Amino acid sequence: MARYTGPRSKICRRLEFAAFESPKFGNPRKNYPPGQHGMSRRRKLSNYGIQLREKQRMKYLYEVLEKQFRNYYKKAQSKSGPTGENLVILLESRLDNSIYRMGLASTRRSARQLVVHKHFLVNNRVVNIPSFQLSPGDVVSVRDKSKKMEVFQESLRRIKGDNPTDWLSLNKAKLSGSFISYPERAQVEEPFDEQLVIELYSK
C-alpha cells in the first residue's frame, strides 16, 4: 500500500494548511515554517509557488502520491466538463474518502487501512482497494464479522444524523451507506482552489 509516511506536522506548517484530519495537525504550535531558517522572513511566493502549494495541499488532503495525483488530473482532463470540477469529483468518489465522509472512519488514513484489511463490502463484494471509484447507486457496508470491532463501535458513538453529505447516505443501524450521486463542486467545502492546480499542470 503506497502512502506518505513522512513527518506530517512539518507538511502542515510548510503548506499553512491542515492537510491531515487529526486535531494535532490542524493548529501547529509553531506559526513559522519548519527548518533552521523557518523563523527568518519568508519570501513572497511566485505564481508557480502558489500553484504548487495548492497542488500539495490537495494531494496530502486526499492521501494520494504524486504519480497517482497526476493520473487523476489526466482522467479529469479527458472527461467532459470543467477539468477542476472533474478532478474534485474523482477524488471525492474514492472508496476510502467516501468511508471517511460517511463517518465510518475517523480519518482518511484510517479508512484506507480498514479497506486494505478487507473490512468493507461494495455491493456485497469485498473490495480492498482504497482508490476504488464509486458510482451512483453503489452501497458500501461493513462486513458482518467486522461490525463488533471497537473502531466501528466508536464510529457509531461519533456519528450524528444519517446524511453526512448531500451525495452520501448512511444507515447507522446496518453500518452501511450509499453513494447517491457525484458531488457538485459547491457541495465540497474543502478549502482549496483546484483551478490553481489545473493551471500548474497546463504549463
N, C-alpha and C. Protein backbone atom coordinates (compact mmCIF):
# COMPACT_ATOMS: atom_id res chain seq x y z
N MET A 1 0.85 -1.18 0.00
CA MET A 1 0.00 0.00 0.00
C MET A 1 0.89 1.24 0.00
N ALA A 2 0.97 1.91 -1.13
CA ALA A 2 1.80 3.11 -1.23
C ALA A 2 1.11 4.28 -0.56
N ARG A 3 1.80 4.92 0.38
CA ARG A 3 1.24 6.08 1.07
C ARG A 3 2.36 6.91 1.65
N TYR A 4 2.05 8.16 1.96
CA TYR A 4 3.05 9.04 2.55
C TYR A 4 3.26 8.65 4.01
N THR A 5 4.53 8.46 4.40
CA THR A 5 4.84 8.04 5.77
C THR A 5 5.79 9.01 6.47
N GLY A 6 6.03 10.16 5.87
CA GLY A 6 6.96 11.13 6.44
C GLY A 6 6.32 11.98 7.53
N PRO A 7 7.06 12.99 8.03
CA PRO A 7 6.55 13.85 9.10
C PRO A 7 5.37 14.69 8.63
N ARG A 8 4.28 14.64 9.37
CA ARG A 8 3.07 15.33 8.95
C ARG A 8 2.94 16.75 9.50
N SER A 9 3.45 16.98 10.70
CA SER A 9 3.38 18.33 11.26
C SER A 9 4.15 19.31 10.38
N LYS A 10 5.30 18.89 9.87
CA LYS A 10 6.11 19.76 9.01
C LYS A 10 5.36 20.10 7.73
N ILE A 11 4.64 19.11 7.20
CA ILE A 11 3.86 19.35 5.98
C ILE A 11 2.80 20.41 6.23
N CYS A 12 2.07 20.29 7.34
CA CYS A 12 1.03 21.26 7.65
C CYS A 12 1.60 22.67 7.83
N ARG A 13 2.76 22.75 8.48
CA ARG A 13 3.37 24.06 8.70
C ARG A 13 3.89 24.65 7.39
N ARG A 14 4.49 23.82 6.57
CA ARG A 14 5.04 24.31 5.31
C ARG A 14 3.94 24.79 4.37
N LEU A 15 2.82 24.06 4.34
CA LEU A 15 1.71 24.40 3.44
C LEU A 15 0.73 25.38 4.06
N GLU A 16 0.90 25.65 5.36
CA GLU A 16 -0.04 26.52 6.09
C GLU A 16 -1.46 26.02 5.90
N PHE A 17 -1.62 24.72 6.13
CA PHE A 17 -2.88 24.06 5.78
C PHE A 17 -3.00 22.77 6.60
N ALA A 18 -4.18 22.52 7.18
CA ALA A 18 -4.39 21.29 7.94
C ALA A 18 -4.65 20.14 6.97
N ALA A 19 -3.57 19.57 6.46
CA ALA A 19 -3.69 18.54 5.42
C ALA A 19 -4.09 17.18 5.96
N PHE A 20 -4.08 17.02 7.28
CA PHE A 20 -4.45 15.74 7.88
C PHE A 20 -5.55 15.98 8.91
N GLU A 21 -6.47 15.01 9.05
CA GLU A 21 -7.67 15.24 9.84
C GLU A 21 -7.43 15.28 11.35
N SER A 22 -6.36 14.69 11.83
CA SER A 22 -6.11 14.66 13.26
C SER A 22 -6.00 16.07 13.82
N PRO A 23 -6.66 16.37 14.96
CA PRO A 23 -6.62 17.71 15.54
C PRO A 23 -5.20 18.22 15.81
N LYS A 24 -4.28 17.33 16.12
CA LYS A 24 -2.93 17.79 16.45
C LYS A 24 -2.20 18.36 15.24
N PHE A 25 -2.72 18.11 14.02
CA PHE A 25 -2.10 18.67 12.83
C PHE A 25 -2.86 19.90 12.32
N GLY A 26 -3.97 20.23 12.96
CA GLY A 26 -4.80 21.33 12.49
C GLY A 26 -4.32 22.70 12.93
N ASN A 27 -3.74 22.78 14.14
CA ASN A 27 -3.27 24.05 14.67
C ASN A 27 -1.83 23.90 15.15
N PRO A 28 -0.87 24.01 14.24
CA PRO A 28 0.53 23.85 14.63
C PRO A 28 0.92 24.81 15.74
N ARG A 29 1.67 24.31 16.70
CA ARG A 29 2.10 25.15 17.82
C ARG A 29 3.07 26.24 17.35
N LYS A 30 3.79 25.96 16.29
CA LYS A 30 4.76 26.93 15.77
C LYS A 30 4.19 27.58 14.52
N ASN A 31 4.11 28.89 14.50
CA ASN A 31 3.49 29.57 13.38
C ASN A 31 4.50 30.03 12.34
N TYR A 32 5.63 29.33 12.27
CA TYR A 32 6.62 29.62 11.24
C TYR A 32 7.02 28.31 10.56
N PRO A 33 7.55 28.36 9.34
CA PRO A 33 7.85 27.15 8.58
C PRO A 33 8.92 26.29 9.27
N PRO A 34 8.98 25.00 8.93
CA PRO A 34 10.00 24.12 9.51
C PRO A 34 11.38 24.42 8.96
N GLY A 35 12.39 23.89 9.63
CA GLY A 35 13.77 24.07 9.16
C GLY A 35 14.51 25.13 9.95
N GLN A 36 15.85 25.14 9.80
CA GLN A 36 16.67 26.04 10.59
C GLN A 36 16.47 27.51 10.26
N HIS A 37 15.92 27.78 9.07
CA HIS A 37 15.67 29.17 8.68
C HIS A 37 14.19 29.50 8.73
N GLY A 38 13.43 28.66 9.41
CA GLY A 38 11.98 28.86 9.44
C GLY A 38 11.55 30.16 10.06
N MET A 39 12.31 30.66 11.04
CA MET A 39 11.92 31.88 11.73
C MET A 39 12.33 33.14 10.98
N SER A 40 13.16 32.98 9.96
CA SER A 40 13.54 34.15 9.17
C SER A 40 12.38 34.57 8.27
N ARG A 41 12.48 35.74 7.72
CA ARG A 41 11.38 36.26 6.91
C ARG A 41 11.14 35.39 5.68
N ARG A 42 9.90 35.01 5.48
CA ARG A 42 9.56 34.16 4.33
C ARG A 42 9.44 35.01 3.06
N ARG A 43 10.03 34.52 1.99
CA ARG A 43 9.96 35.21 0.71
C ARG A 43 8.56 35.06 0.13
N LYS A 44 8.13 36.06 -0.59
CA LYS A 44 6.83 36.02 -1.23
C LYS A 44 6.83 34.94 -2.31
N LEU A 45 5.77 34.14 -2.33
CA LEU A 45 5.69 33.06 -3.31
C LEU A 45 5.41 33.59 -4.70
N SER A 46 6.03 32.97 -5.69
CA SER A 46 5.74 33.28 -7.09
C SER A 46 4.41 32.63 -7.46
N ASN A 47 3.91 32.93 -8.66
CA ASN A 47 2.68 32.29 -9.12
C ASN A 47 2.84 30.78 -9.17
N TYR A 48 4.01 30.35 -9.64
CA TYR A 48 4.29 28.91 -9.69
C TYR A 48 4.28 28.32 -8.28
N GLY A 49 4.89 29.04 -7.32
CA GLY A 49 4.93 28.55 -5.95
C GLY A 49 3.54 28.42 -5.35
N ILE A 50 2.67 29.37 -5.65
CA ILE A 50 1.29 29.32 -5.15
C ILE A 50 0.55 28.13 -5.74
N GLN A 51 0.74 27.90 -7.04
CA GLN A 51 0.08 26.77 -7.70
C GLN A 51 0.60 25.44 -7.16
N LEU A 52 1.90 25.37 -6.97
CA LEU A 52 2.50 24.14 -6.44
C LEU A 52 2.01 23.85 -5.03
N ARG A 53 1.93 24.88 -4.22
CA ARG A 53 1.45 24.70 -2.85
C ARG A 53 0.01 24.19 -2.82
N GLU A 54 -0.81 24.70 -3.73
CA GLU A 54 -2.21 24.26 -3.76
C GLU A 54 -2.32 22.80 -4.19
N LYS A 55 -1.46 22.41 -5.13
CA LYS A 55 -1.44 21.00 -5.55
C LYS A 55 -1.03 20.10 -4.39
N GLN A 56 -0.02 20.53 -3.63
CA GLN A 56 0.43 19.76 -2.48
C GLN A 56 -0.66 19.66 -1.43
N ARG A 57 -1.40 20.73 -1.23
CA ARG A 57 -2.49 20.70 -0.27
C ARG A 57 -3.52 19.64 -0.64
N MET A 58 -3.94 19.62 -1.90
CA MET A 58 -4.92 18.63 -2.34
C MET A 58 -4.37 17.22 -2.25
N LYS A 59 -3.15 17.06 -2.66
CA LYS A 59 -2.52 15.73 -2.68
C LYS A 59 -2.45 15.13 -1.28
N TYR A 60 -2.00 15.91 -0.32
CA TYR A 60 -1.88 15.40 1.04
C TYR A 60 -3.25 15.25 1.71
N LEU A 61 -4.17 16.12 1.38
CA LEU A 61 -5.50 16.04 1.98
C LEU A 61 -6.18 14.71 1.64
N TYR A 62 -6.07 14.31 0.36
CA TYR A 62 -6.73 13.08 -0.08
C TYR A 62 -5.83 11.85 0.04
N GLU A 63 -4.63 12.04 0.60
CA GLU A 63 -3.72 10.92 0.86
C GLU A 63 -3.35 10.15 -0.41
N VAL A 64 -2.98 10.88 -1.46
CA VAL A 64 -2.53 10.22 -2.69
C VAL A 64 -1.11 10.69 -3.00
N LEU A 65 -0.36 9.85 -3.68
CA LEU A 65 1.01 10.18 -4.04
C LEU A 65 1.06 10.94 -5.36
N GLU A 66 2.23 11.44 -5.70
CA GLU A 66 2.39 12.33 -6.85
C GLU A 66 1.93 11.70 -8.16
N LYS A 67 2.41 10.50 -8.44
CA LYS A 67 2.06 9.84 -9.71
C LYS A 67 0.56 9.60 -9.80
N GLN A 68 -0.02 9.16 -8.70
CA GLN A 68 -1.45 8.89 -8.68
C GLN A 68 -2.25 10.18 -8.88
N PHE A 69 -1.79 11.26 -8.25
CA PHE A 69 -2.50 12.53 -8.39
C PHE A 69 -2.45 13.03 -9.84
N ARG A 70 -1.30 12.88 -10.47
CA ARG A 70 -1.18 13.29 -11.87
C ARG A 70 -2.11 12.46 -12.77
N ASN A 71 -2.24 11.18 -12.46
CA ASN A 71 -3.15 10.33 -13.23
C ASN A 71 -4.60 10.78 -13.07
N TYR A 72 -4.94 11.24 -11.86
CA TYR A 72 -6.29 11.77 -11.66
C TYR A 72 -6.50 13.02 -12.52
N TYR A 73 -5.48 13.85 -12.62
CA TYR A 73 -5.59 15.04 -13.46
C TYR A 73 -5.82 14.64 -14.92
N LYS A 74 -5.08 13.65 -15.40
CA LYS A 74 -5.23 13.22 -16.79
C LYS A 74 -6.64 12.67 -17.05
N LYS A 75 -7.17 11.92 -16.09
CA LYS A 75 -8.54 11.39 -16.23
C LYS A 75 -9.54 12.54 -16.23
N ALA A 76 -9.34 13.51 -15.34
CA ALA A 76 -10.25 14.65 -15.27
C ALA A 76 -10.22 15.45 -16.56
N GLN A 77 -9.05 15.56 -17.15
CA GLN A 77 -8.88 16.32 -18.39
C GLN A 77 -9.58 15.64 -19.56
N SER A 78 -9.62 14.32 -19.52
CA SER A 78 -10.23 13.56 -20.63
C SER A 78 -11.75 13.54 -20.57
N LYS A 79 -12.33 13.92 -19.44
CA LYS A 79 -13.78 13.91 -19.29
C LYS A 79 -14.37 15.24 -19.76
N SER A 80 -15.64 15.22 -20.11
CA SER A 80 -16.31 16.46 -20.49
C SER A 80 -16.59 17.29 -19.24
N GLY A 81 -16.64 18.59 -19.42
CA GLY A 81 -16.89 19.47 -18.29
C GLY A 81 -15.59 20.09 -17.78
N PRO A 82 -15.70 21.00 -16.82
CA PRO A 82 -14.51 21.67 -16.27
C PRO A 82 -13.54 20.67 -15.64
N THR A 83 -12.28 20.75 -16.01
CA THR A 83 -11.28 19.79 -15.51
C THR A 83 -11.15 19.85 -13.99
N GLY A 84 -11.19 21.06 -13.44
CA GLY A 84 -11.06 21.20 -11.99
C GLY A 84 -12.17 20.49 -11.24
N GLU A 85 -13.40 20.67 -11.70
CA GLU A 85 -14.53 20.01 -11.05
C GLU A 85 -14.43 18.50 -11.21
N ASN A 86 -14.01 18.05 -12.38
CA ASN A 86 -13.85 16.60 -12.60
C ASN A 86 -12.80 16.02 -11.66
N LEU A 87 -11.74 16.78 -11.42
CA LEU A 87 -10.68 16.32 -10.53
C LEU A 87 -11.20 16.14 -9.11
N VAL A 88 -11.96 17.10 -8.63
CA VAL A 88 -12.53 17.02 -7.28
C VAL A 88 -13.50 15.84 -7.18
N ILE A 89 -14.31 15.64 -8.20
CA ILE A 89 -15.27 14.53 -8.20
C ILE A 89 -14.55 13.19 -8.14
N LEU A 90 -13.48 13.04 -8.92
CA LEU A 90 -12.72 11.79 -8.91
C LEU A 90 -12.14 11.51 -7.53
N LEU A 91 -11.61 12.53 -6.89
CA LEU A 91 -11.01 12.35 -5.57
C LEU A 91 -12.08 12.06 -4.52
N GLU A 92 -13.21 12.74 -4.63
CA GLU A 92 -14.28 12.52 -3.65
C GLU A 92 -14.96 11.17 -3.83
N SER A 93 -14.86 10.60 -5.03
CA SER A 93 -15.52 9.32 -5.31
C SER A 93 -14.69 8.12 -4.90
N ARG A 94 -13.50 8.34 -4.39
CA ARG A 94 -12.67 7.24 -3.91
C ARG A 94 -13.38 6.54 -2.75
N LEU A 95 -13.17 5.23 -2.66
CA LEU A 95 -13.80 4.46 -1.60
C LEU A 95 -13.35 4.91 -0.22
N ASP A 96 -12.05 5.11 -0.04
CA ASP A 96 -11.57 5.50 1.30
C ASP A 96 -12.11 6.87 1.70
N ASN A 97 -12.18 7.80 0.75
CA ASN A 97 -12.71 9.12 1.07
C ASN A 97 -14.19 9.05 1.44
N SER A 98 -14.95 8.23 0.71
CA SER A 98 -16.38 8.11 0.97
C SER A 98 -16.64 7.50 2.34
N ILE A 99 -15.82 6.53 2.72
CA ILE A 99 -15.96 5.92 4.05
C ILE A 99 -15.69 6.96 5.13
N TYR A 100 -14.69 7.79 4.90
CA TYR A 100 -14.38 8.87 5.84
C TYR A 100 -15.53 9.87 5.90
N ARG A 101 -16.08 10.24 4.75
CA ARG A 101 -17.19 11.19 4.70
C ARG A 101 -18.42 10.64 5.42
N MET A 102 -18.65 9.33 5.32
CA MET A 102 -19.80 8.72 5.99
C MET A 102 -19.64 8.69 7.51
N GLY A 103 -18.40 8.80 7.96
CA GLY A 103 -18.14 8.75 9.39
C GLY A 103 -17.77 7.38 9.89
N LEU A 104 -17.60 6.42 8.97
CA LEU A 104 -17.25 5.06 9.37
C LEU A 104 -15.77 4.92 9.70
N ALA A 105 -15.00 5.97 9.50
CA ALA A 105 -13.59 6.03 9.90
C ALA A 105 -13.31 7.45 10.32
N SER A 106 -12.43 7.63 11.30
CA SER A 106 -12.18 8.96 11.84
C SER A 106 -11.29 9.81 10.94
N THR A 107 -10.48 9.18 10.10
CA THR A 107 -9.61 9.90 9.17
C THR A 107 -9.56 9.15 7.85
N ARG A 108 -9.08 9.81 6.81
CA ARG A 108 -8.92 9.13 5.53
C ARG A 108 -7.85 8.04 5.63
N ARG A 109 -6.83 8.29 6.42
CA ARG A 109 -5.77 7.29 6.60
C ARG A 109 -6.32 6.03 7.26
N SER A 110 -7.16 6.21 8.26
CA SER A 110 -7.79 5.08 8.94
C SER A 110 -8.71 4.34 7.97
N ALA A 111 -9.47 5.08 7.16
CA ALA A 111 -10.37 4.46 6.18
C ALA A 111 -9.56 3.62 5.19
N ARG A 112 -8.44 4.15 4.77
CA ARG A 112 -7.57 3.45 3.83
C ARG A 112 -7.11 2.12 4.41
N GLN A 113 -6.69 2.14 5.66
CA GLN A 113 -6.21 0.92 6.31
C GLN A 113 -7.32 -0.11 6.47
N LEU A 114 -8.51 0.36 6.84
CA LEU A 114 -9.64 -0.55 7.03
C LEU A 114 -10.04 -1.22 5.71
N VAL A 115 -9.96 -0.45 4.62
CA VAL A 115 -10.29 -1.02 3.30
C VAL A 115 -9.26 -2.10 2.93
N VAL A 116 -7.99 -1.79 3.11
CA VAL A 116 -6.94 -2.75 2.76
C VAL A 116 -7.07 -4.04 3.57
N HIS A 117 -7.54 -3.93 4.80
CA HIS A 117 -7.71 -5.10 5.66
C HIS A 117 -9.03 -5.82 5.43
N LYS A 118 -9.74 -5.42 4.37
CA LYS A 118 -10.94 -6.12 3.90
C LYS A 118 -12.10 -6.09 4.89
N HIS A 119 -12.32 -4.94 5.49
CA HIS A 119 -13.45 -4.79 6.41
C HIS A 119 -14.69 -4.23 5.73
N PHE A 120 -14.59 -3.90 4.42
CA PHE A 120 -15.72 -3.28 3.73
C PHE A 120 -16.15 -4.06 2.49
N LEU A 121 -17.45 -3.96 2.22
CA LEU A 121 -18.04 -4.53 1.01
C LEU A 121 -18.57 -3.38 0.15
N VAL A 122 -18.50 -3.56 -1.15
CA VAL A 122 -19.15 -2.65 -2.08
C VAL A 122 -20.10 -3.49 -2.91
N ASN A 123 -21.38 -3.22 -2.77
CA ASN A 123 -22.42 -4.02 -3.43
C ASN A 123 -22.26 -5.50 -3.08
N ASN A 124 -22.00 -5.76 -1.78
CA ASN A 124 -21.90 -7.11 -1.22
C ASN A 124 -20.67 -7.89 -1.69
N ARG A 125 -19.70 -7.20 -2.23
CA ARG A 125 -18.45 -7.84 -2.63
C ARG A 125 -17.29 -7.17 -1.92
N VAL A 126 -16.35 -7.96 -1.43
CA VAL A 126 -15.19 -7.41 -0.73
C VAL A 126 -14.34 -6.59 -1.69
N VAL A 127 -14.01 -5.37 -1.28
CA VAL A 127 -13.11 -4.52 -2.06
C VAL A 127 -12.00 -4.05 -1.13
N ASN A 128 -10.76 -4.30 -1.51
CA ASN A 128 -9.64 -3.90 -0.66
C ASN A 128 -8.72 -2.90 -1.35
N ILE A 129 -9.30 -2.11 -2.26
CA ILE A 129 -8.55 -1.10 -3.00
C ILE A 129 -9.06 0.28 -2.58
N PRO A 130 -8.29 1.04 -1.80
CA PRO A 130 -8.75 2.34 -1.31
C PRO A 130 -9.16 3.31 -2.42
N SER A 131 -8.51 3.21 -3.58
CA SER A 131 -8.79 4.15 -4.67
C SER A 131 -9.96 3.71 -5.54
N PHE A 132 -10.63 2.63 -5.17
CA PHE A 132 -11.78 2.14 -5.94
C PHE A 132 -12.77 3.27 -6.15
N GLN A 133 -13.18 3.48 -7.42
CA GLN A 133 -14.09 4.57 -7.75
C GLN A 133 -15.55 4.14 -7.61
N LEU A 134 -16.27 4.84 -6.74
CA LEU A 134 -17.69 4.54 -6.55
C LEU A 134 -18.52 5.23 -7.62
N SER A 135 -19.65 4.62 -7.94
CA SER A 135 -20.60 5.17 -8.90
C SER A 135 -21.95 5.34 -8.21
N PRO A 136 -22.79 6.25 -8.71
CA PRO A 136 -24.11 6.44 -8.10
C PRO A 136 -24.86 5.11 -7.97
N GLY A 137 -25.40 4.88 -6.79
CA GLY A 137 -26.14 3.65 -6.53
C GLY A 137 -25.33 2.60 -5.79
N ASP A 138 -24.01 2.75 -5.73
CA ASP A 138 -23.17 1.79 -5.01
C ASP A 138 -23.45 1.85 -3.51
N VAL A 139 -23.46 0.67 -2.90
CA VAL A 139 -23.70 0.55 -1.46
C VAL A 139 -22.43 0.05 -0.78
N VAL A 140 -21.98 0.80 0.20
CA VAL A 140 -20.78 0.45 0.96
C VAL A 140 -21.20 -0.01 2.34
N SER A 141 -20.71 -1.15 2.78
CA SER A 141 -21.12 -1.67 4.08
C SER A 141 -19.95 -2.34 4.79
N VAL A 142 -20.03 -2.35 6.12
CA VAL A 142 -19.03 -3.04 6.92
C VAL A 142 -19.35 -4.53 6.92
N ARG A 143 -18.35 -5.37 6.78
CA ARG A 143 -18.57 -6.82 6.81
C ARG A 143 -19.17 -7.23 8.14
N ASP A 144 -20.04 -8.23 8.11
CA ASP A 144 -20.73 -8.67 9.34
C ASP A 144 -19.74 -9.03 10.45
N LYS A 145 -18.68 -9.73 10.09
CA LYS A 145 -17.74 -10.18 11.11
C LYS A 145 -16.87 -9.04 11.66
N SER A 146 -16.96 -7.87 11.03
CA SER A 146 -16.15 -6.73 11.48
C SER A 146 -16.96 -5.72 12.29
N LYS A 147 -18.28 -5.85 12.32
CA LYS A 147 -19.13 -4.84 12.92
C LYS A 147 -18.91 -4.64 14.41
N LYS A 148 -18.43 -5.65 15.09
CA LYS A 148 -18.23 -5.54 16.54
C LYS A 148 -16.87 -4.95 16.91
N MET A 149 -16.05 -4.65 15.91
CA MET A 149 -14.75 -4.05 16.18
C MET A 149 -14.92 -2.70 16.86
N GLU A 150 -14.02 -2.38 17.77
CA GLU A 150 -14.12 -1.13 18.53
C GLU A 150 -14.10 0.10 17.63
N VAL A 151 -13.34 0.03 16.54
CA VAL A 151 -13.25 1.19 15.65
C VAL A 151 -14.62 1.55 15.07
N PHE A 152 -15.45 0.54 14.81
CA PHE A 152 -16.78 0.81 14.26
C PHE A 152 -17.78 1.16 15.35
N GLN A 153 -17.61 0.60 16.53
CA GLN A 153 -18.46 0.98 17.64
C GLN A 153 -18.20 2.44 18.02
N GLU A 154 -16.95 2.84 17.94
CA GLU A 154 -16.61 4.24 18.20
C GLU A 154 -17.21 5.15 17.13
N SER A 155 -17.24 4.66 15.90
CA SER A 155 -17.86 5.44 14.82
C SER A 155 -19.33 5.68 15.09
N LEU A 156 -20.01 4.65 15.60
CA LEU A 156 -21.44 4.78 15.91
C LEU A 156 -21.67 5.84 16.99
N ARG A 157 -20.78 5.91 17.95
CA ARG A 157 -20.92 6.91 19.01
C ARG A 157 -20.62 8.31 18.50
N ARG A 158 -19.77 8.40 17.48
CA ARG A 158 -19.34 9.69 16.96
C ARG A 158 -20.29 10.26 15.92
N ILE A 159 -20.93 9.41 15.13
CA ILE A 159 -21.77 9.86 14.02
C ILE A 159 -23.06 10.50 14.53
N LYS A 160 -23.40 11.62 13.94
CA LYS A 160 -24.65 12.29 14.25
C LYS A 160 -25.45 12.46 12.97
N GLY A 161 -26.67 11.93 12.97
CA GLY A 161 -27.52 12.05 11.78
C GLY A 161 -27.23 10.97 10.75
N ASP A 162 -28.09 10.93 9.72
CA ASP A 162 -27.97 9.90 8.68
C ASP A 162 -27.65 10.47 7.31
N ASN A 163 -27.33 11.74 7.25
CA ASN A 163 -26.99 12.36 5.97
C ASN A 163 -25.68 13.13 6.11
N PRO A 164 -24.57 12.42 6.08
CA PRO A 164 -23.26 13.06 6.27
C PRO A 164 -22.95 14.13 5.23
N THR A 165 -23.37 13.91 3.98
CA THR A 165 -23.20 14.90 2.91
C THR A 165 -24.40 14.81 1.99
N ASP A 166 -24.48 15.74 1.04
CA ASP A 166 -25.60 15.73 0.10
C ASP A 166 -25.53 14.58 -0.88
N TRP A 167 -24.35 14.00 -1.06
CA TRP A 167 -24.22 12.93 -2.07
C TRP A 167 -24.03 11.55 -1.45
N LEU A 168 -24.09 11.47 -0.14
CA LEU A 168 -23.96 10.19 0.55
C LEU A 168 -25.09 10.01 1.55
N SER A 169 -25.53 8.78 1.75
CA SER A 169 -26.50 8.49 2.81
C SER A 169 -25.91 7.42 3.72
N LEU A 170 -26.42 7.34 4.93
CA LEU A 170 -25.86 6.42 5.91
C LEU A 170 -26.96 5.75 6.70
N ASN A 171 -26.82 4.44 6.90
CA ASN A 171 -27.71 3.67 7.77
C ASN A 171 -26.88 3.21 8.95
N LYS A 172 -26.99 3.93 10.07
CA LYS A 172 -26.17 3.62 11.24
C LYS A 172 -26.44 2.23 11.78
N ALA A 173 -27.70 1.82 11.76
CA ALA A 173 -28.07 0.52 12.32
C ALA A 173 -27.37 -0.62 11.59
N LYS A 174 -27.21 -0.45 10.28
CA LYS A 174 -26.59 -1.51 9.46
C LYS A 174 -25.12 -1.24 9.16
N LEU A 175 -24.61 -0.10 9.63
CA LEU A 175 -23.24 0.30 9.32
C LEU A 175 -22.98 0.22 7.81
N SER A 176 -23.86 0.86 7.08
CA SER A 176 -23.72 0.89 5.62
C SER A 176 -24.16 2.25 5.10
N GLY A 177 -23.74 2.54 3.90
CA GLY A 177 -24.11 3.81 3.29
C GLY A 177 -24.18 3.68 1.78
N SER A 178 -24.80 4.67 1.15
CA SER A 178 -24.95 4.65 -0.30
C SER A 178 -24.31 5.88 -0.92
N PHE A 179 -23.71 5.66 -2.07
CA PHE A 179 -23.16 6.75 -2.87
C PHE A 179 -24.30 7.19 -3.79
N ILE A 180 -25.00 8.26 -3.41
CA ILE A 180 -26.22 8.65 -4.10
C ILE A 180 -25.94 9.24 -5.47
N SER A 181 -24.98 10.14 -5.53
CA SER A 181 -24.67 10.83 -6.79
C SER A 181 -23.27 11.40 -6.70
N TYR A 182 -22.76 11.81 -7.85
CA TYR A 182 -21.47 12.50 -7.85
C TYR A 182 -21.67 13.88 -7.23
N PRO A 183 -20.76 14.33 -6.39
CA PRO A 183 -20.94 15.64 -5.76
C PRO A 183 -20.73 16.79 -6.74
N GLU A 184 -21.40 17.88 -6.48
CA GLU A 184 -21.13 19.11 -7.21
C GLU A 184 -20.01 19.85 -6.49
N ARG A 185 -19.27 20.66 -7.23
CA ARG A 185 -18.13 21.34 -6.61
C ARG A 185 -18.55 22.19 -5.42
N ALA A 186 -19.70 22.85 -5.52
CA ALA A 186 -20.14 23.73 -4.44
C ALA A 186 -20.45 22.95 -3.16
N GLN A 187 -20.70 21.65 -3.29
CA GLN A 187 -21.03 20.83 -2.12
C GLN A 187 -19.78 20.39 -1.35
N VAL A 188 -18.63 20.44 -1.99
CA VAL A 188 -17.38 20.03 -1.34
C VAL A 188 -16.76 21.26 -0.71
N GLU A 189 -16.72 21.30 0.61
CA GLU A 189 -16.33 22.51 1.32
C GLU A 189 -14.85 22.56 1.71
N GLU A 190 -14.04 21.68 1.15
CA GLU A 190 -12.62 21.71 1.47
C GLU A 190 -12.00 23.02 0.97
N PRO A 191 -11.14 23.65 1.79
CA PRO A 191 -10.59 24.97 1.44
C PRO A 191 -9.39 24.93 0.51
N PHE A 192 -9.59 24.51 -0.71
CA PHE A 192 -8.52 24.56 -1.70
C PHE A 192 -9.07 25.12 -3.00
N ASP A 193 -8.18 25.55 -3.87
CA ASP A 193 -8.57 26.11 -5.17
C ASP A 193 -8.00 25.20 -6.26
N GLU A 194 -8.83 24.30 -6.74
CA GLU A 194 -8.36 23.32 -7.73
C GLU A 194 -7.97 23.98 -9.05
N GLN A 195 -8.47 25.19 -9.32
CA GLN A 195 -8.12 25.85 -10.57
C GLN A 195 -6.63 26.17 -10.63
N LEU A 196 -6.04 26.45 -9.49
CA LEU A 196 -4.59 26.70 -9.44
C LEU A 196 -3.82 25.43 -9.82
N VAL A 197 -4.35 24.28 -9.45
CA VAL A 197 -3.72 23.01 -9.79
C VAL A 197 -3.79 22.76 -11.29
N ILE A 198 -4.93 23.08 -11.87
CA ILE A 198 -5.12 22.92 -13.31
C ILE A 198 -4.15 23.83 -14.07
N GLU A 199 -3.98 25.06 -13.58
CA GLU A 199 -3.04 25.99 -14.20
C GLU A 199 -1.62 25.45 -14.12
N LEU A 200 -1.29 24.82 -13.01
CA LEU A 200 0.05 24.25 -12.83
C LEU A 200 0.32 23.15 -13.85
N TYR A 201 -0.62 22.23 -13.99
CA TYR A 201 -0.43 21.11 -14.89
C TYR A 201 -0.58 21.48 -16.37
N SER A 202 -1.19 22.62 -16.61
CA SER A 202 -1.43 23.05 -18.01
C SER A 202 -0.20 23.70 -18.64
N LYS A 203 0.84 23.95 -17.84
CA LYS A 203 2.00 24.63 -18.38
C LYS A 203 2.82 23.71 -19.28
